[in-house]
Amino acid sequence: MKSMSRRRTEKVELPGAGTAIWRAPSRHLPHGNDPKTSVINADHRTHDVKNLFLCDGSSLVTSGRGQPTMTIEALAFRAADRITALAKRGEISA
């Protein structure tokens, strides 16, 4: 993460790019398995409602660059795989 921040700064400091540089502190975002900091876990399952899985763009913690449709599709496919695995292990109740 620090190397990405350095690289962004290098691009901004190119000749003619301007002089004002705003640097936001880099920080690690918490993993989704902590109910205090997230609504869903790594399986896309909500912490409060056992059989509720969120398979849409609401799990994106920041806005990305460009159109997020394919990222949302990938998250939905991943959630489907996780739901299937949980069901096969009997971890989804009726």
PDB file of N, CA and C in Angstrom:
ATOM      1  N   MET A   1       0.814  -1.177   0.000  1.00  0.00           N
ATOM      2  CA  MET A   1       0.000   0.000   0.000  1.00  0.00           C
ATOM      3  C   MET A   1       0.869   1.256   0.000  1.00  0.00           C
ATOM      4  N   LYS A   2       1.960   1.221   0.750  1.00  0.00           N
ATOM      5  CA  LYS A   2       2.853   2.379   0.771  1.00  0.00           C
ATOM      6  C   LYS A   2       3.493   2.592  -0.586  1.00  0.00           C
ATOM      7  N   SER A   3       3.821   1.496  -1.292  1.00  0.00           N
ATOM      8  CA  SER A   3       4.449   1.645  -2.602  1.00  0.00           C
ATOM      9  C   SER A   3       3.471   2.262  -3.601  1.00  0.00           C
ATOM     10  N   MET A   4       2.175   1.933  -3.496  1.00  0.00           N
ATOM     11  CA  MET A   4       1.177   2.540  -4.375  1.00  0.00           C
ATOM     12  C   MET A   4       1.078   4.032  -4.102  1.00  0.00           C
ATOM     13  N   SER A   5       1.124   4.412  -2.842  1.00  0.00           N
ATOM     14  CA  SER A   5       1.057   5.824  -2.475  1.00  0.00           C
ATOM     15  C   SER A   5       2.261   6.573  -3.024  1.00  0.00           C
ATOM     16  N   ARG A   6       3.454   5.969  -2.908  1.00  0.00           N
ATOM     17  CA  ARG A   6       4.664   6.598  -3.449  1.00  0.00           C
ATOM     18  C   ARG A   6       4.539   6.780  -4.966  1.00  0.00           C
ATOM     19  N   ARG A   7       4.023   5.766  -5.643  1.00  0.00           N
ATOM     20  CA  ARG A   7       3.905   5.822  -7.103  1.00  0.00           C
ATOM     21  C   ARG A   7       2.936   6.922  -7.534  1.00  0.00           C
ATOM     22  N   ARG A   8       1.824   7.054  -6.813  1.00  0.00           N
ATOM     23  CA  ARG A   8       0.884   8.127  -7.133  1.00  0.00           C
ATOM     24  C   ARG A   8       1.552   9.482  -6.974  1.00  0.00           C
ATOM     25  N   THR A   9       2.318   9.647  -5.905  1.00  0.00           N
ATOM     26  CA  THR A   9       2.997  10.914  -5.651  1.00  0.00           C
ATOM     27  C   THR A   9       4.014  11.198  -6.749  1.00  0.00           C
ATOM     28  N   GLU A  10       4.731  10.184  -7.219  1.00  0.00           N
ATOM     29  CA  GLU A  10       5.691  10.377  -8.306  1.00  0.00           C
ATOM     30  C   GLU A  10       4.990  10.917  -9.549  1.00  0.00           C
ATOM     31  N   LYS A  11       3.816  10.391  -9.864  1.00  0.00           N
ATOM     32  CA  LYS A  11       3.092  10.840 -11.047  1.00  0.00           C
ATOM     33  C   LYS A  11       2.647  12.287 -10.901  1.00  0.00           C
ATOM     34  N   VAL A  12       2.239  12.676  -9.710  1.00  0.00           N
ATOM     35  CA  VAL A  12       1.783  14.050  -9.479  1.00  0.00           C
ATOM     36  C   VAL A  12       2.948  15.013  -9.522  1.00  0.00           C
ATOM     37  N   GLU A  13       4.122  14.578  -9.125  1.00  0.00           N
ATOM     38  CA  GLU A  13       5.278  15.461  -9.062  1.00  0.00           C
ATOM     39  C   GLU A  13       6.002  15.607 -10.396  1.00  0.00           C
ATOM     40  N   LEU A  14       5.427  15.094 -11.482  1.00  0.00           N
ATOM     41  CA  LEU A  14       6.035  15.253 -12.798  1.00  0.00           C
ATOM     42  C   LEU A  14       6.084  16.724 -13.168  1.00  0.00           C
ATOM     43  N   PRO A  15       7.075  17.140 -13.969  1.00  0.00           N
ATOM     44  CA  PRO A  15       7.175  18.547 -14.356  1.00  0.00           C
ATOM     45  C   PRO A  15       5.883  19.031 -15.011  1.00  0.00           C
ATOM     46  N   GLY A  16       5.410  20.195 -14.569  1.00  0.00           N
ATOM     47  CA  GLY A  16       4.204  20.788 -15.123  1.00  0.00           C
ATOM     48  C   GLY A  16       2.910  20.277 -14.510  1.00  0.00           C
ATOM     49  N   ALA A  17       3.016  19.371 -13.556  1.00  0.00           N
ATOM     50  CA  ALA A  17       1.807  18.804 -12.961  1.00  0.00           C
ATOM     51  C   ALA A  17       1.252  19.675 -11.846  1.00  0.00           C
ATOM     52  N   GLY A  18       1.943  20.690 -11.442  1.00  0.00           N
ATOM     53  CA  GLY A  18       1.469  21.544 -10.358  1.00  0.00           C
ATOM     54  C   GLY A  18       2.338  21.368  -9.129  1.00  0.00           C
ATOM     55  N   THR A  19       2.058  22.162  -8.113  1.00  0.00           N
ATOM     56  CA  THR A  19       2.906  22.120  -6.922  1.00  0.00           C
ATOM     57  C   THR A  19       2.201  21.637  -5.672  1.00  0.00           C
ATOM     58  N   ALA A  20       0.871  21.755  -5.602  1.00  0.00           N
ATOM     59  CA  ALA A  20       0.158  21.352  -4.386  1.00  0.00           C
ATOM     60  C   ALA A  20      -0.131  19.853  -4.424  1.00  0.00           C
ATOM     61  N   ILE A  21       0.343  19.159  -3.417  1.00  0.00           N
ATOM     62  CA  ILE A  21       0.100  17.722  -3.311  1.00  0.00           C
ATOM     63  C   ILE A  21      -0.566  17.453  -1.969  1.00  0.00           C
ATOM     64  N   TRP A  22      -1.722  16.829  -2.026  1.00  0.00           N
ATOM     65  CA  TRP A  22      -2.431  16.440  -0.807  1.00  0.00           C
ATOM     66  C   TRP A  22      -2.210  14.957  -0.599  1.00  0.00           C
ATOM     67  N   ARG A  23      -1.688  14.593   0.534  1.00  0.00           N
ATOM     68  CA  ARG A  23      -1.421  13.187   0.837  1.00  0.00           C
ATOM     69  C   ARG A  23      -2.356  12.717   1.938  1.00  0.00           C
ATOM     70  N   ALA A  24      -3.180  11.759   1.606  1.00  0.00           N
ATOM     71  CA  ALA A  24      -4.052  11.160   2.616  1.00  0.00           C
ATOM     72  C   ALA A  24      -3.277  10.038   3.295  1.00  0.00           C
ATOM     73  N   PRO A  25      -3.456   9.871   4.571  1.00  0.00           N
ATOM     74  CA  PRO A  25      -2.764   8.767   5.240  1.00  0.00           C
ATOM     75  C   PRO A  25      -3.272   7.429   4.733  1.00  0.00           C
ATOM     76  N   SER A  26      -2.377   6.507   4.463  1.00  0.00           N
ATOM     77  CA  SER A  26      -2.760   5.156   4.057  1.00  0.00           C
ATOM     78  C   SER A  26      -3.094   4.366   5.304  1.00  0.00           C
ATOM     79  N   ARG A  27      -4.152   3.624   5.215  1.00  0.00           N
ATOM     80  CA  ARG A  27      -4.504   2.775   6.350  1.00  0.00           C
ATOM     81  C   ARG A  27      -5.102   1.485   5.831  1.00  0.00           C
ATOM     82  N   HIS A  28      -4.943   0.456   6.597  1.00  0.00           N
ATOM     83  CA  HIS A  28      -5.477  -0.847   6.240  1.00  0.00           C
ATOM     84  C   HIS A  28      -6.938  -0.906   6.663  1.00  0.00           C
ATOM     85  N   LEU A  29      -7.804  -1.281   5.733  1.00  0.00           N
ATOM     86  CA  LEU A  29      -9.211  -1.429   6.083  1.00  0.00           C
ATOM     87  C   LEU A  29      -9.417  -2.758   6.805  1.00  0.00           C
ATOM     88  N   PRO A  30     -10.279  -2.785   7.801  1.00  0.00           N
ATOM     89  CA  PRO A  30     -10.490  -4.024   8.539  1.00  0.00           C
ATOM     90  C   PRO A  30     -11.144  -5.084   7.669  1.00  0.00           C
ATOM     91  N   HIS A  31     -10.835  -6.324   7.959  1.00  0.00           N
ATOM     92  CA  HIS A  31     -11.435  -7.448   7.249  1.00  0.00           C
ATOM     93  C   HIS A  31     -12.886  -7.566   7.665  1.00  0.00           C
ATOM     94  N   GLY A  32     -13.714  -8.099   6.796  1.00  0.00           N
ATOM     95  CA  GLY A  32     -15.149  -8.134   7.027  1.00  0.00           C
ATOM     96  C   GLY A  32     -15.660  -9.082   8.081  1.00  0.00           C
ATOM     97  N   ASN A  33     -14.816  -9.815   8.749  1.00  0.00           N
ATOM     98  CA  ASN A  33     -15.329 -10.775   9.727  1.00  0.00           C
ATOM     99  C   ASN A  33     -15.583 -10.172  11.102  1.00  0.00           C
ATOM    100  N   ASP A  34     -15.413  -8.883  11.257  1.00  0.00           N
ATOM    101  CA  ASP A  34     -15.645  -8.230  12.537  1.00  0.00           C
ATOM    102  C   ASP A  34     -16.995  -7.511  12.508  1.00  0.00           C
ATOM    103  N   PRO A  35     -17.981  -7.994  13.272  1.00  0.00           N
ATOM    104  CA  PRO A  35     -19.312  -7.365  13.265  1.00  0.00           C
ATOM    105  C   PRO A  35     -19.308  -5.913  13.734  1.00  0.00           C
ATOM    106  N   LYS A  36     -18.264  -5.505  14.427  1.00  0.00           N
ATOM    107  CA  LYS A  36     -18.189  -4.118  14.896  1.00  0.00           C
ATOM    108  C   LYS A  36     -17.832  -3.156  13.764  1.00  0.00           C
ATOM    109  N   THR A  37     -17.194  -3.657  12.713  1.00  0.00           N
ATOM    110  CA  THR A  37     -16.737  -2.778  11.638  1.00  0.00           C
ATOM    111  C   THR A  37     -17.345  -3.095  10.278  1.00  0.00           C
ATOM    112  N   SER A  38     -18.221  -4.095  10.211  1.00  0.00           N
ATOM    113  CA  SER A  38     -18.784  -4.457   8.906  1.00  0.00           C
ATOM    114  C   SER A  38     -20.175  -5.073   9.064  1.00  0.00           C
ATOM    115  N   VAL A  39     -20.907  -5.068   7.981  1.00  0.00           N
ATOM    116  CA  VAL A  39     -22.253  -5.646   7.972  1.00  0.00           C
ATOM    117  C   VAL A  39     -22.207  -7.110   7.554  1.00  0.00           C
ATOM    118  N   ILE A  40     -21.276  -7.441   6.630  1.00  0.00           N
ATOM    119  CA  ILE A  40     -21.177  -8.819   6.141  1.00  0.00           C
ATOM    120  C   ILE A  40     -19.793  -9.394   6.433  1.00  0.00           C
ATOM    121  N   ASN A  41     -19.721 -10.723   6.415  1.00  0.00           N
ATOM    122  CA  ASN A  41     -18.431 -11.383   6.600  1.00  0.00           C
ATOM    123  C   ASN A  41     -17.823 -11.721   5.236  1.00  0.00           C
ATOM    124  N   ALA A  42     -16.735 -12.458   5.231  1.00  0.00           N
ATOM    125  CA  ALA A  42     -16.033 -12.777   3.982  1.00  0.00           C
ATOM    126  C   ALA A  42     -16.862 -13.670   3.055  1.00  0.00           C
ATOM    127  N   ASP A  43     -17.898 -14.318   3.581  1.00  0.00           N
ATOM    128  CA  ASP A  43     -18.790 -15.149   2.769  1.00  0.00           C
ATOM    129  C   ASP A  43     -19.992 -14.360   2.246  1.00  0.00           C
ATOM    130  N   HIS A  44     -20.003 -13.052   2.454  1.00  0.00           N
ATOM    131  CA  HIS A  44     -21.099 -12.169   2.044  1.00  0.00           C
ATOM    132  C   HIS A  44     -22.342 -12.354   2.907  1.00  0.00           C
ATOM    133  N   ARG A  45     -22.197 -13.036   4.022  1.00  0.00           N
ATOM    134  CA  ARG A  45     -23.306 -13.319   4.941  1.00  0.00           C
ATOM    135  C   ARG A  45     -23.368 -12.232   5.999  1.00  0.00           C
ATOM    136  N   THR A  46     -24.578 -11.730   6.268  1.00  0.00           N
ATOM    137  CA  THR A  46     -24.708 -10.692   7.286  1.00  0.00           C
ATOM    138  C   THR A  46     -24.433 -11.261   8.665  1.00  0.00           C
ATOM    139  N   HIS A  47     -23.929 -10.421   9.538  1.00  0.00           N
ATOM    140  CA  HIS A  47     -23.620 -10.855  10.897  1.00  0.00           C
ATOM    141  C   HIS A  47     -24.886 -11.034  11.730  1.00  0.00           C
ATOM    142  N   ASP A  48     -25.898 -10.206  11.481  1.00  0.00           N
ATOM    143  CA  ASP A  48     -27.094 -10.219  12.326  1.00  0.00           C
ATOM    144  C   ASP A  48     -28.176 -11.196  11.877  1.00  0.00           C
ATOM    145  N   VAL A  49     -28.320 -11.396  10.573  1.00  0.00           N
ATOM    146  CA  VAL A  49     -29.364 -12.281  10.046  1.00  0.00           C
ATOM    147  C   VAL A  49     -28.663 -13.464   9.394  1.00  0.00           C
ATOM    148  N   LYS A  50     -28.747 -14.626  10.016  1.00  0.00           N
ATOM    149  CA  LYS A  50     -27.912 -15.775   9.647  1.00  0.00           C
ATOM    150  C   LYS A  50     -27.997 -16.183   8.178  1.00  0.00           C
ATOM    151  N   ASN A  51     -29.174 -16.218   7.585  1.00  0.00           N
ATOM    152  CA  ASN A  51     -29.296 -16.692   6.204  1.00  0.00           C
ATOM    153  C   ASN A  51     -29.506 -15.580   5.190  1.00  0.00           C
ATOM    154  N   LEU A  52     -29.023 -14.385   5.512  1.00  0.00           N
ATOM    155  CA  LEU A  52     -29.108 -13.263   4.575  1.00  0.00           C
ATOM    156  C   LEU A  52     -27.727 -12.998   3.998  1.00  0.00           C
ATOM    157  N   PHE A  53     -27.636 -13.082   2.688  1.00  0.00           N
ATOM    158  CA  PHE A  53     -26.385 -12.839   1.974  1.00  0.00           C
ATOM    159  C   PHE A  53     -26.579 -11.613   1.084  1.00  0.00           C
ATOM    160  N   LEU A  54     -25.628 -10.685   1.114  1.00  0.00           N
ATOM    161  CA  LEU A  54     -25.689  -9.499   0.266  1.00  0.00           C
ATOM    162  C   LEU A  54     -24.801  -9.722  -0.955  1.00  0.00           C
ATOM    163  N   CYS A  55     -25.411  -9.719  -2.110  1.00  0.00           N
ATOM    164  CA  CYS A  55     -24.695 -10.039  -3.348  1.00  0.00           C
ATOM    165  C   CYS A  55     -24.810  -8.901  -4.346  1.00  0.00           C
ATOM    166  N   ASP A  56     -24.564  -7.699  -3.869  1.00  0.00           N
ATOM    167  CA  ASP A  56     -24.675  -6.535  -4.742  1.00  0.00           C
ATOM    168  C   ASP A  56     -23.524  -5.579  -4.471  1.00  0.00           C
ATOM    169  N   GLY A  57     -23.627  -4.378  -4.961  1.00  0.00           N
ATOM    170  CA  GLY A  57     -22.561  -3.398  -4.815  1.00  0.00           C
ATOM    171  C   GLY A  57     -22.435  -2.807  -3.425  1.00  0.00           C
ATOM    172  N   SER A  58     -23.353  -3.108  -2.535  1.00  0.00           N
ATOM    173  CA  SER A  58     -23.287  -2.518  -1.197  1.00  0.00           C
ATOM    174  C   SER A  58     -22.084  -3.015  -0.397  1.00  0.00           C
ATOM    175  N   SER A  59     -21.476  -4.106  -0.824  1.00  0.00           N
ATOM    176  CA  SER A  59     -20.293  -4.601  -0.108  1.00  0.00           C
ATOM    177  C   SER A  59     -19.008  -3.892  -0.534  1.00  0.00           C
ATOM    178  N   LEU A  60     -19.079  -3.030  -1.543  1.00  0.00           N
ATOM    179  CA  LEU A  60     -17.903  -2.258  -1.941  1.00  0.00           C
ATOM    180  C   LEU A  60     -17.700  -1.145  -0.917  1.00  0.00           C
ATOM    181  N   VAL A  61     -16.557  -1.147  -0.264  1.00  0.00           N
ATOM    182  CA  VAL A  61     -16.335  -0.183   0.814  1.00  0.00           C
ATOM    183  C   VAL A  61     -15.922   1.204   0.333  1.00  0.00           C
ATOM    184  N   THR A  62     -15.487   1.322  -0.893  1.00  0.00           N
ATOM    185  CA  THR A  62     -15.126   2.622  -1.461  1.00  0.00           C
ATOM    186  C   THR A  62     -15.609   2.665  -2.899  1.00  0.00           C
ATOM    187  N   SER A  63     -15.659   3.841  -3.454  1.00  0.00           N
ATOM    188  CA  SER A  63     -16.015   3.931  -4.863  1.00  0.00           C
ATOM    189  C   SER A  63     -14.782   3.612  -5.690  1.00  0.00           C
ATOM    190  N   GLY A  64     -14.975   2.859  -6.711  1.00  0.00           N
ATOM    191  CA  GLY A  64     -13.851   2.483  -7.560  1.00  0.00           C
ATOM    192  C   GLY A  64     -13.749   3.408  -8.751  1.00  0.00           C
ATOM    193  N   ARG A  65     -12.815   3.104  -9.600  1.00  0.00           N
ATOM    194  CA  ARG A  65     -12.636   3.883 -10.823  1.00  0.00           C
ATOM    195  C   ARG A  65     -13.478   3.269 -11.914  1.00  0.00           C
ATOM    196  N   GLY A  66     -14.269   4.049 -12.568  1.00  0.00           N
ATOM    197  CA  GLY A  66     -15.046   3.549 -13.691  1.00  0.00           C
ATOM    198  C   GLY A  66     -16.278   2.776 -13.262  1.00  0.00           C
ATOM    199  N   GLN A  67     -16.790   2.006 -14.183  1.00  0.00           N
ATOM    200  CA  GLN A  67     -18.028   1.260 -13.992  1.00  0.00           C
ATOM    201  C   GLN A  67     -17.797   0.030 -13.107  1.00  0.00           C
ATOM    202  N   PRO A  68     -18.551  -0.123 -12.013  1.00  0.00           N
ATOM    203  CA  PRO A  68     -18.329  -1.235 -11.093  1.00  0.00           C
ATOM    204  C   PRO A  68     -19.081  -2.521 -11.447  1.00  0.00           C
ATOM    205  N   THR A  69     -19.770  -2.554 -12.595  1.00  0.00           N
ATOM    206  CA  THR A  69     -20.644  -3.681 -12.913  1.00  0.00           C
ATOM    207  C   THR A  69     -19.911  -5.019 -12.872  1.00  0.00           C
ATOM    208  N   MET A  70     -18.753  -5.113 -13.495  1.00  0.00           N
ATOM    209  CA  MET A  70     -18.055  -6.404 -13.531  1.00  0.00           C
ATOM    210  C   MET A  70     -17.540  -6.801 -12.153  1.00  0.00           C
ATOM    211  N   THR A  71     -17.161  -5.837 -11.344  1.00  0.00           N
ATOM    212  CA  THR A  71     -16.744  -6.135  -9.979  1.00  0.00           C
ATOM    213  C   THR A  71     -17.922  -6.677  -9.185  1.00  0.00           C
ATOM    214  N   ILE A  72     -19.087  -6.065  -9.343  1.00  0.00           N
ATOM    215  CA  ILE A  72     -20.284  -6.533  -8.648  1.00  0.00           C
ATOM    216  C   ILE A  72     -20.657  -7.939  -9.122  1.00  0.00           C
ATOM    217  N   GLU A  73     -20.545  -8.184 -10.420  1.00  0.00           N
ATOM    218  CA  GLU A  73     -20.802  -9.529 -10.946  1.00  0.00           C
ATOM    219  C   GLU A  73     -19.850 -10.549 -10.335  1.00  0.00           C
ATOM    220  N   ALA A  74     -18.570 -10.197 -10.251  1.00  0.00           N
ATOM    221  CA  ALA A  74     -17.583 -11.105  -9.662  1.00  0.00           C
ATOM    222  C   ALA A  74     -17.906 -11.385  -8.194  1.00  0.00           C
ATOM    223  N   LEU A  75     -18.322 -10.349  -7.455  1.00  0.00           N
ATOM    224  CA  LEU A  75     -18.706 -10.550  -6.057  1.00  0.00           C
ATOM    225  C   LEU A  75     -19.923 -11.460  -5.953  1.00  0.00           C
ATOM    226  N   ALA A  76     -20.880 -11.318  -6.856  1.00  0.00           N
ATOM    227  CA  ALA A  76     -22.072 -12.173  -6.840  1.00  0.00           C
ATOM    228  C   ALA A  76     -21.708 -13.623  -7.147  1.00  0.00           C
ATOM    229  N   PHE A  77     -20.819 -13.846  -8.124  1.00  0.00           N
ATOM    230  CA  PHE A  77     -20.370 -15.211  -8.419  1.00  0.00           C
ATOM    231  C   PHE A  77     -19.628 -15.810  -7.216  1.00  0.00           C
ATOM    232  N   ARG A  78     -18.787 -14.993  -6.588  1.00  0.00           N
ATOM    233  CA  ARG A  78     -18.058 -15.452  -5.403  1.00  0.00           C
ATOM    234  C   ARG A  78     -19.037 -15.803  -4.281  1.00  0.00           C
ATOM    235  N   ALA A  79     -20.031 -14.940  -4.068  1.00  0.00           N
ATOM    236  CA  ALA A  79     -21.039 -15.206  -3.032  1.00  0.00           C
ATOM    237  C   ALA A  79     -21.783 -16.501  -3.337  1.00  0.00           C
ATOM    238  N   ALA A  80     -22.115 -16.736  -4.604  1.00  0.00           N
ATOM    239  CA  ALA A  80     -22.808 -17.978  -4.986  1.00  0.00           C
ATOM    240  C   ALA A  80     -21.960 -19.199  -4.656  1.00  0.00           C
ATOM    241  N   ASP A  81     -20.659 -19.112  -4.937  1.00  0.00           N
ATOM    242  CA  ASP A  81     -19.754 -20.222  -4.592  1.00  0.00           C
ATOM    243  C   ASP A  81     -19.716 -20.451  -3.087  1.00  0.00           C
ATOM    244  N   ARG A  82     -19.648 -19.365  -2.322  1.00  0.00           N
ATOM    245  CA  ARG A  82     -19.612 -19.482  -0.858  1.00  0.00           C
ATOM    246  C   ARG A  82     -20.918 -20.055  -0.318  1.00  0.00           C
ATOM    247  N   ILE A  83     -22.047 -19.585  -0.857  1.00  0.00           N
ATOM    248  CA  ILE A  83     -23.354 -20.083  -0.412  1.00  0.00           C
ATOM    249  C   ILE A  83     -23.479 -21.574  -0.717  1.00  0.00           C
ATOM    250  N   THR A  84     -23.040 -21.983  -1.905  1.00  0.00           N
ATOM    251  CA  THR A  84     -23.076 -23.401  -2.282  1.00  0.00           C
ATOM    252  C   THR A  84     -22.245 -24.234  -1.316  1.00  0.00           C
ATOM    253  N   ALA A  85     -21.042 -23.770  -1.018  1.00  0.00           N
ATOM    254  CA  ALA A  85     -20.160 -24.511  -0.088  1.00  0.00           C
ATOM    255  C   ALA A  85     -20.784 -24.601   1.308  1.00  0.00           C
ATOM    256  N   LEU A  86     -21.345 -23.507   1.801  1.00  0.00           N
ATOM    257  CA  LEU A  86     -21.991 -23.525   3.109  1.00  0.00           C
ATOM    258  C   LEU A  86     -23.182 -24.470   3.138  1.00  0.00           C
ATOM    259  N   ALA A  87     -23.969 -24.482   2.049  1.00  0.00           N
ATOM    260  CA  ALA A  87     -25.137 -25.376   1.971  1.00  0.00           C
ATOM    261  C   ALA A  87     -24.702 -26.833   1.958  1.00  0.00           C
ATOM    262  N   LYS A  88     -23.644 -27.145   1.210  1.00  0.00           N
ATOM    263  CA  LYS A  88     -23.156 -28.528   1.157  1.00  0.00           C
ATOM    264  C   LYS A  88     -22.660 -29.008   2.515  1.00  0.00           C
ATOM    265  N   ARG A  89     -22.133 -28.071   3.320  1.00  0.00           N
ATOM    266  CA  ARG A  89     -21.660 -28.436   4.671  1.00  0.00           C
ATOM    267  C   ARG A  89     -22.784 -28.391   5.705  1.00  0.00           C
ATOM    268  N   GLY A  90     -23.992 -28.037   5.277  1.00  0.00           N
ATOM    269  CA  GLY A  90     -25.125 -27.979   6.182  1.00  0.00           C
ATOM    270  C   GLY A  90     -25.113 -26.778   7.107  1.00  0.00           C
ATOM    271  N   GLU A  91     -24.445 -25.684   6.700  1.00  0.00           N
ATOM    272  CA  GLU A  91     -24.329 -24.513   7.539  1.00  0.00           C
ATOM    273  C   GLU A  91     -25.362 -23.434   7.229  1.00  0.00           C
ATOM    274  N   ILE A  92     -26.341 -23.786   6.386  1.00  0.00           N
ATOM    275  CA  ILE A  92     -27.437 -22.872   6.103  1.00  0.00           C
ATOM    276  C   ILE A  92     -28.699 -23.553   6.621  1.00  0.00           C
ATOM    277  N   SER A  93     -29.364 -22.898   7.557  1.00  0.00           N
ATOM    278  CA  SER A  93     -30.548 -23.518   8.148  1.00  0.00           C
ATOM    279  C   SER A  93     -31.803 -23.151   7.373  1.00  0.00           C
ATOM    280  N   ALA A  94     -32.791 -24.015   7.451  1.00  0.00           N
ATOM    281  CA  ALA A  94     -34.060 -23.792   6.745  1.00  0.00           C
ATOM    282  C   ALA A  94     -34.948 -22.854   7.511  1.00  0.00           C
TER     283      ALA A  94
END
